Amino acid sequence: MRSIHQIVAGFASGDAISNEARALRTIFQSWGFDAPIYSEHKRILPELRSEARDLQAHRGDFRPDDIVLLHLSIGSDVNDIFPTLPGRKVILYHNITPADYFRGIQEQTAVLLGRGRRQVAALAGAADINMADSQYNADELAALGYANPQVLPLVLDFSRLRSRPDRKILRRYRGYRDGRVNILFVGRCAPNKRIEDLVNAFYYYQRYVQPNSRLIHVGSHAGMEQYHALLLVRVRELQLKNVVFAGAVTQDMLNAYYQVAHVFLSMSEHEGFCIPLLEAMVHDVPVVAYAAGAVPETLGGAGVLVRDKPFDLLAETLGRVAEDEALRAAILRGQRERLARYEQQDLAGELKRILAPLL
């Protein structure tokens, strides 16, 4: 049996790229291929080592007639090993955040990102087929000299978002208990996400538009303790009330946070795709998002796209989206149409078309 090997920089629960690797594994297996996943041993969560193999220890698994797909997302030893392996090569580029966002805050991550950017440049010409999960990412590959990068939007499993939500969170934060308007952002606690801009916009919203409000950030701050501490300082400086940093959560908890949200607000300045925008649409939460990177592409004409960050005007926008029923209904109608278009895509068929020369 031929194999389609997938290589990821790390393999973890709740990680977007790990989740896509799982989804692609299911597709490849349905085509009749063996479909193992590999990573650096130290970056595979111990409880997931039955799902992913140590690439260095399993280099002997690869044969000349196999296909090797690299998920390119950060600096890693696996990126250097990839071109040395037997088999036909495929790169799927998820983008790499510029290191400058992390310098002075998390130097180790900045080093990994800088290395990743250098590796992306060095791998131009290493693959038979180049793919990216957004046109934004494909354009970046083309600028680096990659031949004919093709767009394959992220293969997502929305069923997990429609599973049962955590009841404790629903009871704690639903509006009928305290009447508060919940402004939500979901994403790692990382400087490129500009969570301080969420806090600043929320300051104007809570002070001048809706005092009975709450800001909720859901996302891990592991490894970003210094940045998280700076955010807490900013919250105290502004004397904000009802700001919740929920940290990393389970899927049922995430579903509950989406269900209690009145508006999803993203101020992120670098996104290669931004899955939470679509997750918010699944839960019928109107989206207000800064137009950075692939965000306009992912929104696909839905939601409210902002191109500047005057926080007072953002606060007014949040107020209208949360309280103007006609506007809210129009936004949600557009988001449902966008989500339907995304879910109707035959991404497995498109992937097979792209990979056809190697199959």
Protein backbone atom coordinates (compact mmCIF):
# COMPACT_ATOMS: atom_id res chain seq x y z
CA MET A 1 0.00 0.00 0.00
CA ARG A 2 1.32 3.44 -0.93
CA SER A 3 1.45 6.08 1.77
CA ILE A 4 0.70 9.78 1.98
CA HIS A 5 2.86 10.93 4.88
CA GLN A 6 1.99 14.18 6.65
CA ILE A 7 4.62 16.12 8.59
CA VAL A 8 3.67 18.78 11.16
CA ALA A 9 5.86 20.93 13.41
CA GLY A 10 3.89 19.83 16.47
CA PHE A 11 0.91 17.64 17.27
CA ALA A 12 -1.51 18.74 19.99
CA SER A 13 -5.16 18.70 21.01
CA GLY A 14 -7.14 21.72 19.84
CA ASP A 15 -4.40 22.85 17.47
CA ALA A 16 -5.75 23.96 14.08
CA ILE A 17 -3.01 22.34 12.01
CA SER A 18 -3.14 19.10 14.00
CA ASN A 19 -6.90 19.04 13.45
CA GLU A 20 -6.47 19.54 9.71
CA ALA A 21 -3.84 16.78 9.58
CA ARG A 22 -6.41 14.47 11.17
CA ALA A 23 -9.06 15.50 8.65
CA LEU A 24 -6.67 14.98 5.72
CA ARG A 25 -5.65 11.60 7.14
CA THR A 26 -9.29 10.50 6.96
CA ILE A 27 -9.50 11.68 3.33
CA PHE A 28 -6.26 9.93 2.32
CA GLN A 29 -7.37 6.71 3.99
CA SER A 30 -10.67 6.87 2.09
CA TRP A 31 -8.60 6.98 -1.11
CA GLY A 32 -6.90 3.73 -0.10
CA PHE A 33 -3.60 5.16 1.18
CA ASP A 34 -1.84 4.57 4.46
CA ALA A 35 -1.69 8.04 6.04
CA PRO A 36 0.68 8.38 9.02
CA ILE A 37 1.43 11.71 10.71
CA TYR A 38 4.92 12.69 11.90
CA SER A 39 6.45 15.44 14.02
CA GLU A 40 9.34 16.18 16.33
CA HIS A 41 9.11 13.79 19.27
CA LYS A 42 9.32 16.62 21.84
CA ARG A 43 6.42 18.46 20.15
CA ILE A 44 3.99 15.54 20.22
CA LEU A 45 1.84 15.61 23.34
CA PRO A 46 2.52 12.41 25.30
CA GLU A 47 -1.13 11.38 25.21
CA LEU A 48 -1.15 11.70 21.40
CA ARG A 49 1.94 9.62 20.61
CA SER A 50 -0.29 6.79 19.38
CA GLU A 51 -1.51 9.20 16.66
CA ALA A 52 1.74 10.79 15.52
CA ARG A 53 5.23 9.34 15.02
CA ASP A 54 8.66 10.77 15.72
CA LEU A 55 9.93 11.76 12.26
CA GLN A 56 13.61 11.28 13.07
CA ALA A 57 13.02 7.76 14.39
CA HIS A 58 10.81 6.76 11.44
CA ARG A 59 12.76 8.06 8.46
CA GLY A 60 12.84 4.48 7.19
CA ASP A 61 9.06 4.56 6.65
CA PHE A 62 9.40 6.66 3.49
CA ARG A 63 9.63 5.11 0.00
CA PRO A 64 10.26 6.67 -3.42
CA ASP A 65 6.69 6.07 -4.63
CA ASP A 66 5.12 7.65 -1.53
CA ILE A 67 3.82 11.21 -1.19
CA VAL A 68 5.21 13.44 1.57
CA LEU A 69 3.12 16.47 2.62
CA LEU A 70 4.70 19.13 4.84
CA HIS A 71 2.45 21.48 6.83
CA LEU A 72 4.63 24.58 6.92
CA SER A 73 3.76 26.82 9.87
CA ILE A 74 6.78 27.59 12.10
CA GLY A 75 10.50 26.97 12.35
CA SER A 76 11.25 23.31 13.02
CA ASP A 77 13.81 20.56 12.41
CA VAL A 78 11.16 18.71 10.39
CA ASN A 79 11.31 21.45 7.73
CA ASP A 80 15.01 20.68 7.18
CA ILE A 81 14.41 16.92 7.09
CA PHE A 82 11.53 17.17 4.59
CA PRO A 83 13.56 17.71 1.37
CA THR A 84 15.92 14.83 2.25
CA LEU A 85 13.16 12.20 2.42
CA PRO A 86 12.32 9.79 -0.43
CA GLY A 87 9.00 10.37 -2.19
CA ARG A 88 7.12 13.02 -4.14
CA LYS A 89 6.87 16.26 -2.20
CA VAL A 90 3.95 18.56 -1.35
CA ILE A 91 4.01 21.73 0.76
CA LEU A 92 0.87 23.12 2.42
CA TYR A 93 1.64 26.61 3.72
CA HIS A 94 -0.29 27.97 6.71
CA ASN A 95 1.81 31.15 6.99
CA ILE A 96 4.38 32.05 9.63
CA THR A 97 3.84 35.06 11.87
CA PRO A 98 6.62 37.67 11.52
CA ALA A 99 9.05 37.36 14.42
CA ASP A 100 8.96 41.10 15.16
CA TYR A 101 5.63 40.73 16.96
CA PHE A 102 7.32 38.56 19.61
CA ARG A 103 10.68 40.27 20.09
CA GLY A 104 11.06 41.68 23.57
CA ILE A 105 8.09 39.61 24.75
CA GLN A 106 8.82 35.97 23.92
CA GLU A 107 12.28 35.61 22.42
CA GLN A 108 12.15 31.83 22.05
CA THR A 109 9.06 32.07 19.86
CA ALA A 110 10.65 34.93 17.91
CA VAL A 111 13.65 32.71 17.17
CA LEU A 112 11.40 29.87 15.94
CA LEU A 113 9.40 32.22 13.75
CA GLY A 114 12.52 33.81 12.29
CA ARG A 115 13.92 30.37 11.55
CA GLY A 116 10.61 29.39 9.97
CA ARG A 117 10.64 32.41 7.67
CA ARG A 118 14.15 31.49 6.51
CA GLN A 119 13.08 27.88 5.98
CA VAL A 120 10.09 28.94 3.86
CA ALA A 121 12.43 30.88 1.58
CA ALA A 122 14.88 27.97 1.40
CA LEU A 123 12.18 25.42 0.51
CA ALA A 124 11.10 27.20 -2.70
CA GLY A 125 11.60 24.56 -5.38
CA ALA A 126 11.72 21.64 -2.91
CA ALA A 127 8.19 20.36 -3.64
CA ASP A 128 6.44 18.97 -6.70
CA ILE A 129 3.18 20.66 -5.67
CA ASN A 130 2.73 23.80 -3.55
CA MET A 131 -0.51 24.60 -1.73
CA ALA A 132 -1.69 27.29 0.67
CA ASP A 133 -4.87 27.53 2.71
CA SER A 134 -5.67 31.07 1.57
CA GLN A 135 -4.92 33.27 -1.42
CA TYR A 136 -3.07 35.56 0.97
CA ASN A 137 -0.70 32.70 1.82
CA ALA A 138 -0.43 31.59 -1.80
CA ASP A 139 0.59 35.11 -2.84
CA GLU A 140 3.32 35.04 -0.21
CA LEU A 141 4.66 31.76 -1.62
CA ALA A 142 4.59 33.13 -5.16
CA ALA A 143 6.59 36.18 -4.04
CA LEU A 144 9.23 33.80 -2.66
CA GLY A 145 9.54 31.98 -5.97
CA TYR A 146 7.30 28.98 -5.37
CA ALA A 147 5.90 27.58 -8.62
CA ASN A 148 2.12 27.72 -9.14
CA PRO A 149 0.91 27.71 -5.52
CA GLN A 150 -2.69 26.50 -5.40
CA VAL A 151 -5.28 27.39 -2.78
CA LEU A 152 -6.89 24.67 -0.68
CA PRO A 153 -9.01 26.24 2.10
CA LEU A 154 -8.68 24.56 5.47
CA VAL A 155 -10.48 21.23 5.71
CA LEU A 156 -12.53 21.75 8.87
CA ASP A 157 -14.76 19.53 10.99
CA PHE A 158 -17.62 21.77 12.04
CA SER A 159 -19.46 18.93 13.80
CA ARG A 160 -17.33 19.44 16.92
CA LEU A 161 -18.66 23.02 17.14
CA ARG A 162 -22.22 21.76 17.13
CA SER A 163 -21.69 19.37 20.02
CA ARG A 164 -23.15 19.98 23.47
CA PRO A 165 -21.85 23.11 25.27
CA ASP A 166 -20.63 23.23 28.85
CA ARG A 167 -23.66 23.93 31.06
CA LYS A 168 -21.72 25.65 33.85
CA ILE A 169 -20.46 28.34 31.49
CA LEU A 170 -23.91 28.79 30.00
CA ARG A 171 -25.36 29.32 33.48
CA ARG A 172 -22.57 31.69 34.50
CA TYR A 173 -22.50 33.98 31.47
CA ARG A 174 -25.84 33.87 29.69
CA GLY A 175 -27.37 37.33 29.39
CA TYR A 176 -30.62 36.44 31.09
CA ARG A 177 -28.73 36.02 34.41
CA ASP A 178 -26.95 39.35 34.57
CA GLY A 179 -27.99 41.24 31.43
CA ARG A 180 -24.36 41.85 30.40
CA VAL A 181 -23.36 42.10 26.76
CA ASN A 182 -20.55 39.62 26.13
CA ILE A 183 -17.80 40.60 23.67
CA LEU A 184 -15.75 37.52 22.72
CA PHE A 185 -12.41 36.83 21.10
CA VAL A 186 -11.00 33.33 20.57
CA GLY A 187 -7.33 32.86 19.75
CA ARG A 188 -3.95 32.27 21.33
CA CYS A 189 -2.72 34.90 23.76
CA ALA A 190 -0.08 36.18 21.36
CA PRO A 191 1.16 39.67 20.43
CA ASN A 192 0.11 39.43 16.76
CA LYS A 193 -3.48 38.95 17.96
CA ARG A 194 -3.31 42.46 19.46
CA ILE A 195 -5.37 41.58 22.50
CA GLU A 196 -4.39 44.94 23.99
CA ASP A 197 -6.44 46.51 21.19
CA LEU A 198 -9.41 44.39 22.27
CA VAL A 199 -8.94 45.76 25.77
CA ASN A 200 -8.65 49.34 24.51
CA ALA A 201 -11.77 49.07 22.36
CA PHE A 202 -13.63 47.46 25.24
CA TYR A 203 -12.66 50.36 27.50
CA TYR A 204 -14.53 52.80 25.25
CA TYR A 205 -17.42 50.38 24.86
CA GLN A 206 -17.86 49.80 28.58
CA ARG A 207 -17.34 53.43 29.58
CA TYR A 208 -19.33 55.25 26.89
CA VAL A 209 -21.68 52.74 25.23
CA GLN A 210 -22.67 49.82 27.45
CA PRO A 211 -21.47 49.81 31.09
CA ASN A 212 -23.14 46.45 31.70
CA SER A 213 -20.73 44.51 29.51
CA ARG A 214 -18.07 41.83 29.66
CA LEU A 215 -14.97 41.05 27.58
CA ILE A 216 -14.06 37.36 27.26
CA HIS A 217 -10.82 36.11 25.77
CA VAL A 218 -10.54 32.37 25.19
CA GLY A 219 -7.12 31.03 24.29
CA SER A 220 -4.01 29.54 25.82
CA HIS A 221 -1.37 31.86 27.24
CA ALA A 222 1.15 29.05 27.82
CA GLY A 223 4.57 30.41 26.94
CA MET A 224 3.15 33.93 26.73
CA GLU A 225 3.09 34.71 30.44
CA GLN A 226 4.89 38.03 30.02
CA TYR A 227 2.43 39.23 27.38
CA HIS A 228 -0.50 38.01 29.47
CA ALA A 229 0.87 39.92 32.48
CA LEU A 230 1.09 43.10 30.40
CA LEU A 231 -2.56 42.66 29.43
CA LEU A 232 -3.58 42.31 33.08
CA VAL A 233 -1.68 45.51 33.87
CA ARG A 234 -3.53 47.31 31.07
CA VAL A 235 -6.90 46.10 32.38
CA ARG A 236 -6.02 47.46 35.85
CA GLU A 237 -4.78 50.78 34.43
CA LEU A 238 -8.08 51.29 32.65
CA GLN A 239 -10.03 50.19 35.75
CA LEU A 240 -12.07 47.81 33.63
CA LYS A 241 -14.61 45.49 35.16
CA ASN A 242 -15.71 42.06 33.94
CA VAL A 243 -12.71 41.16 31.78
CA VAL A 244 -12.31 37.38 31.63
CA PHE A 245 -9.15 35.60 30.45
CA ALA A 246 -10.46 32.05 30.23
CA GLY A 247 -7.21 30.48 29.02
CA ALA A 248 -7.18 27.14 27.23
CA VAL A 249 -10.55 25.37 27.28
CA THR A 250 -12.13 22.10 26.21
CA GLN A 251 -14.34 21.87 23.13
CA ASP A 252 -17.57 21.88 25.13
CA MET A 253 -16.39 24.96 27.04
CA LEU A 254 -15.47 26.71 23.77
CA ASN A 255 -18.91 25.97 22.37
CA ALA A 256 -20.47 27.50 25.47
CA TYR A 257 -18.40 30.68 25.23
CA TYR A 258 -19.54 31.12 21.63
CA GLN A 259 -23.15 30.57 22.66
CA VAL A 260 -23.07 33.27 25.34
CA ALA A 261 -21.35 35.82 23.07
CA HIS A 262 -23.24 38.78 21.61
CA VAL A 263 -20.40 39.95 19.32
CA PHE A 264 -17.12 38.37 18.20
CA LEU A 265 -14.37 40.99 17.96
CA SER A 266 -10.96 40.38 16.34
CA MET A 267 -8.22 43.00 16.31
CA SER A 268 -5.52 40.57 15.12
CA GLU A 269 -2.90 42.05 12.78
CA HIS A 270 -1.56 38.85 11.23
CA GLU A 271 -3.73 35.93 10.15
CA GLY A 272 -3.06 33.32 7.48
CA PHE A 273 -6.69 32.16 7.73
CA CYS A 274 -8.36 32.75 11.16
CA ILE A 275 -10.61 29.77 11.88
CA PRO A 276 -12.49 31.44 14.79
CA LEU A 277 -14.20 33.75 12.29
CA LEU A 278 -15.95 30.71 10.82
CA GLU A 279 -16.51 29.21 14.26
CA ALA A 280 -18.37 32.36 15.28
CA MET A 281 -20.53 32.00 12.17
CA VAL A 282 -21.39 28.42 13.14
CA HIS A 283 -22.70 29.75 16.45
CA ASP A 284 -24.53 32.70 14.87
CA VAL A 285 -22.36 35.32 16.55
CA PRO A 286 -21.96 38.52 14.51
CA VAL A 287 -18.31 39.21 13.67
CA VAL A 288 -16.45 42.53 13.77
CA ALA A 289 -12.87 42.07 12.55
CA TYR A 290 -9.85 44.11 11.61
CA ALA A 291 -8.93 43.62 7.93
CA ALA A 292 -5.49 42.04 8.39
CA GLY A 293 -3.88 39.27 6.35
CA ALA A 294 -6.39 36.65 5.20
CA VAL A 295 -9.24 37.96 7.39
CA PRO A 296 -11.18 39.62 4.50
CA GLU A 297 -10.80 36.44 2.45
CA THR A 298 -12.04 34.20 5.26
CA LEU A 299 -15.00 36.47 5.97
CA GLY A 300 -15.87 36.33 2.28
CA GLY A 301 -17.96 39.50 2.35
CA ALA A 302 -19.72 38.60 5.61
CA GLY A 303 -19.47 40.19 9.04
CA VAL A 304 -18.26 43.74 9.66
CA LEU A 305 -14.77 44.47 8.36
CA VAL A 306 -12.89 47.45 9.80
CA ARG A 307 -9.76 48.90 8.19
CA ASP A 308 -8.69 51.24 10.99
CA LYS A 309 -8.70 51.07 14.78
CA PRO A 310 -10.18 54.26 16.23
CA PHE A 311 -11.30 52.68 19.48
CA ASP A 312 -14.12 55.13 20.15
CA LEU A 313 -15.67 54.39 16.76
CA LEU A 314 -15.12 50.67 17.25
CA ALA A 315 -17.04 50.94 20.51
CA GLU A 316 -19.95 52.57 18.68
CA THR A 317 -19.84 49.81 16.07
CA LEU A 318 -19.97 47.16 18.79
CA GLY A 319 -22.96 48.92 20.30
CA ARG A 320 -24.86 48.95 17.01
CA VAL A 321 -24.07 45.32 16.22
CA ALA A 322 -25.09 44.19 19.71
CA GLU A 323 -28.31 46.24 19.97
CA ASP A 324 -29.63 47.15 16.50
CA GLU A 325 -31.83 44.16 15.72
CA ALA A 326 -32.21 44.95 12.01
CA LEU A 327 -28.47 45.39 11.54
CA ARG A 328 -27.73 42.28 13.56
CA ALA A 329 -30.18 40.23 11.49
CA ALA A 330 -28.61 41.45 8.25
CA ILE A 331 -25.10 40.57 9.47
CA LEU A 332 -26.17 37.11 10.58
CA ARG A 333 -27.95 36.49 7.29
CA GLY A 334 -24.75 37.29 5.40
CA GLN A 335 -22.69 35.09 7.71
CA ARG A 336 -25.03 32.13 7.26
CA GLU A 337 -24.74 32.48 3.50
CA ARG A 338 -20.93 32.63 3.75
CA LEU A 339 -20.81 29.58 6.01
CA ALA A 340 -23.09 27.63 3.67
CA ARG A 341 -20.79 28.41 0.73
CA TYR A 342 -17.78 27.24 2.72
CA GLU A 343 -19.41 24.00 3.84
CA GLN A 344 -20.66 23.24 0.33
CA GLN A 345 -17.14 23.21 -1.09
CA ASP A 346 -15.90 19.78 -2.16
CA LEU A 347 -12.50 20.20 -0.57
CA ALA A 348 -11.68 16.49 -0.76
CA GLY A 349 -12.40 16.60 -4.49
CA GLU A 350 -10.32 19.76 -4.91
CA LEU A 351 -7.44 18.17 -3.00
CA LYS A 352 -7.61 15.10 -5.25
CA ARG A 353 -7.53 17.33 -8.34
CA ILE A 354 -4.46 19.19 -7.07
CA LEU A 355 -2.62 16.00 -6.10
CA ALA A 356 -3.70 14.04 -9.22
CA PRO A 357 -0.23 14.18 -10.89
CA LEU A 358 1.23 12.34 -7.90
CA LEU A 359 -1.54 9.83 -7.17
